[in-house]
């Protein structure tokens, strides 16, 4: 039995090896082959981005005035 990952967007079980690797300046991502949504694997050290910003496509558009303590 192989490990399956459940996509948080389309809720389809997917083999992680079938997911394309991607990244941005603040996170390592994989792309769901079913719905093409980015899924965060790990945030990079020192990143001030939130996971929600990265997954919603707002990565790289961080405004420090939006940050909350």
C-alpha atoms as a PDB file:
ATOM      1  CA  UNK A   1       0.000   0.000   0.000  1.00  0.00           C
ATOM      2  CA  UNK A   2       1.440   3.357  -0.999  1.00  0.00           C
ATOM      3  CA  UNK A   3       1.101   6.555   1.001  1.00  0.00           C
ATOM      4  CA  UNK A   4      -1.553   8.958  -0.262  1.00  0.00           C
ATOM      5  CA  UNK A   5      -1.823  12.669   0.430  1.00  0.00           C
ATOM      6  CA  UNK A   6      -5.273  14.285   0.657  1.00  0.00           C
ATOM      7  CA  UNK A   7      -5.365  17.604  -1.190  1.00  0.00           C
ATOM      8  CA  UNK A   8      -6.755  20.298   1.127  1.00  0.00           C
ATOM      9  CA  UNK A   9      -8.600  21.888  -1.821  1.00  0.00           C
ATOM     10  CA  UNK A  10     -10.178  19.121  -3.902  1.00  0.00           C
ATOM     11  CA  UNK A  11      -9.954  16.402  -1.194  1.00  0.00           C
ATOM     12  CA  UNK A  12      -8.731  13.789  -3.647  1.00  0.00           C
ATOM     13  CA  UNK A  13      -6.157  11.230  -2.439  1.00  0.00           C
ATOM     14  CA  UNK A  14      -2.979  11.748  -4.477  1.00  0.00           C
ATOM     15  CA  UNK A  15       0.328   9.914  -4.624  1.00  0.00           C
ATOM     16  CA  UNK A  16       2.923  12.528  -3.498  1.00  0.00           C
ATOM     17  CA  UNK A  17       5.297  11.310  -6.210  1.00  0.00           C
ATOM     18  CA  UNK A  18       2.725  12.420  -8.829  1.00  0.00           C
ATOM     19  CA  UNK A  19       2.726  15.995  -7.541  1.00  0.00           C
ATOM     20  CA  UNK A  20       4.944  18.515  -9.349  1.00  0.00           C
ATOM     21  CA  UNK A  21       7.545  20.283  -7.233  1.00  0.00           C
ATOM     22  CA  UNK A  22       7.442  24.044  -7.078  1.00  0.00           C
ATOM     23  CA  UNK A  23       8.807  26.750  -4.831  1.00  0.00           C
ATOM     24  CA  UNK A  24       8.721  30.441  -4.131  1.00  0.00           C
ATOM     25  CA  UNK A  25      11.009  32.674  -2.102  1.00  0.00           C
ATOM     26  CA  UNK A  26       9.232  31.743   1.132  1.00  0.00           C
ATOM     27  CA  UNK A  27       8.112  28.090   0.809  1.00  0.00           C
ATOM     28  CA  UNK A  28       8.607  24.713  -0.818  1.00  0.00           C
ATOM     29  CA  UNK A  29       5.444  23.632  -2.611  1.00  0.00           C
ATOM     30  CA  UNK A  30       3.884  20.784  -4.539  1.00  0.00           C
ATOM     31  CA  UNK A  31       1.131  21.220  -7.103  1.00  0.00           C
ATOM     32  CA  UNK A  32      -1.939  18.994  -6.982  1.00  0.00           C
ATOM     33  CA  UNK A  33      -2.311  17.298 -10.393  1.00  0.00           C
ATOM     34  CA  UNK A  34      -6.096  17.156  -9.942  1.00  0.00           C
ATOM     35  CA  UNK A  35      -6.911  20.811  -9.172  1.00  0.00           C
ATOM     36  CA  UNK A  36      -3.560  22.590  -9.875  1.00  0.00           C
ATOM     37  CA  UNK A  37      -3.527  24.179  -6.410  1.00  0.00           C
ATOM     38  CA  UNK A  38      -0.215  24.833  -4.640  1.00  0.00           C
ATOM     39  CA  UNK A  39       0.203  22.862  -1.415  1.00  0.00           C
ATOM     40  CA  UNK A  40       2.818  24.057   1.097  1.00  0.00           C
ATOM     41  CA  UNK A  41       5.323  21.416   2.166  1.00  0.00           C
ATOM     42  CA  UNK A  42       7.502  23.654   4.315  1.00  0.00           C
ATOM     43  CA  UNK A  43       8.005  27.327   4.967  1.00  0.00           C
ATOM     44  CA  UNK A  44      11.585  28.524   4.597  1.00  0.00           C
ATOM     45  CA  UNK A  45      13.474  29.817   7.617  1.00  0.00           C
ATOM     46  CA  UNK A  46      13.168  33.544   8.121  1.00  0.00           C
ATOM     47  CA  UNK A  47      10.045  33.832   5.996  1.00  0.00           C
ATOM     48  CA  UNK A  48       7.423  36.309   7.136  1.00  0.00           C
ATOM     49  CA  UNK A  49       4.820  35.021   4.694  1.00  0.00           C
ATOM     50  CA  UNK A  50       1.822  33.154   6.032  1.00  0.00           C
ATOM     51  CA  UNK A  51       0.904  29.748   4.614  1.00  0.00           C
ATOM     52  CA  UNK A  52      -2.462  31.166   3.548  1.00  0.00           C
ATOM     53  CA  UNK A  53      -0.753  33.897   1.507  1.00  0.00           C
ATOM     54  CA  UNK A  54       1.441  31.332  -0.231  1.00  0.00           C
ATOM     55  CA  UNK A  55      -1.392  28.917  -1.008  1.00  0.00           C
ATOM     56  CA  UNK A  56      -3.705  31.687  -2.205  1.00  0.00           C
ATOM     57  CA  UNK A  57      -1.079  32.911  -4.675  1.00  0.00           C
ATOM     58  CA  UNK A  58      -0.187  36.070  -2.758  1.00  0.00           C
ATOM     59  CA  UNK A  59       3.413  34.939  -2.204  1.00  0.00           C
ATOM     60  CA  UNK A  60       5.786  37.758  -2.968  1.00  0.00           C
ATOM     61  CA  UNK A  61       3.131  40.371  -2.273  1.00  0.00           C
ATOM     62  CA  UNK A  62       3.701  40.565   1.476  1.00  0.00           C
ATOM     63  CA  UNK A  63       2.875  43.896   3.070  1.00  0.00           C
ATOM     64  CA  UNK A  64       4.313  44.200   6.601  1.00  0.00           C
ATOM     65  CA  UNK A  65       1.403  46.466   7.556  1.00  0.00           C
ATOM     66  CA  UNK A  66      -0.875  43.406   7.153  1.00  0.00           C
ATOM     67  CA  UNK A  67       1.131  41.317   9.607  1.00  0.00           C
ATOM     68  CA  UNK A  68      -0.402  40.586  12.984  1.00  0.00           C
ATOM     69  CA  UNK A  69       1.497  39.821  16.165  1.00  0.00           C
END
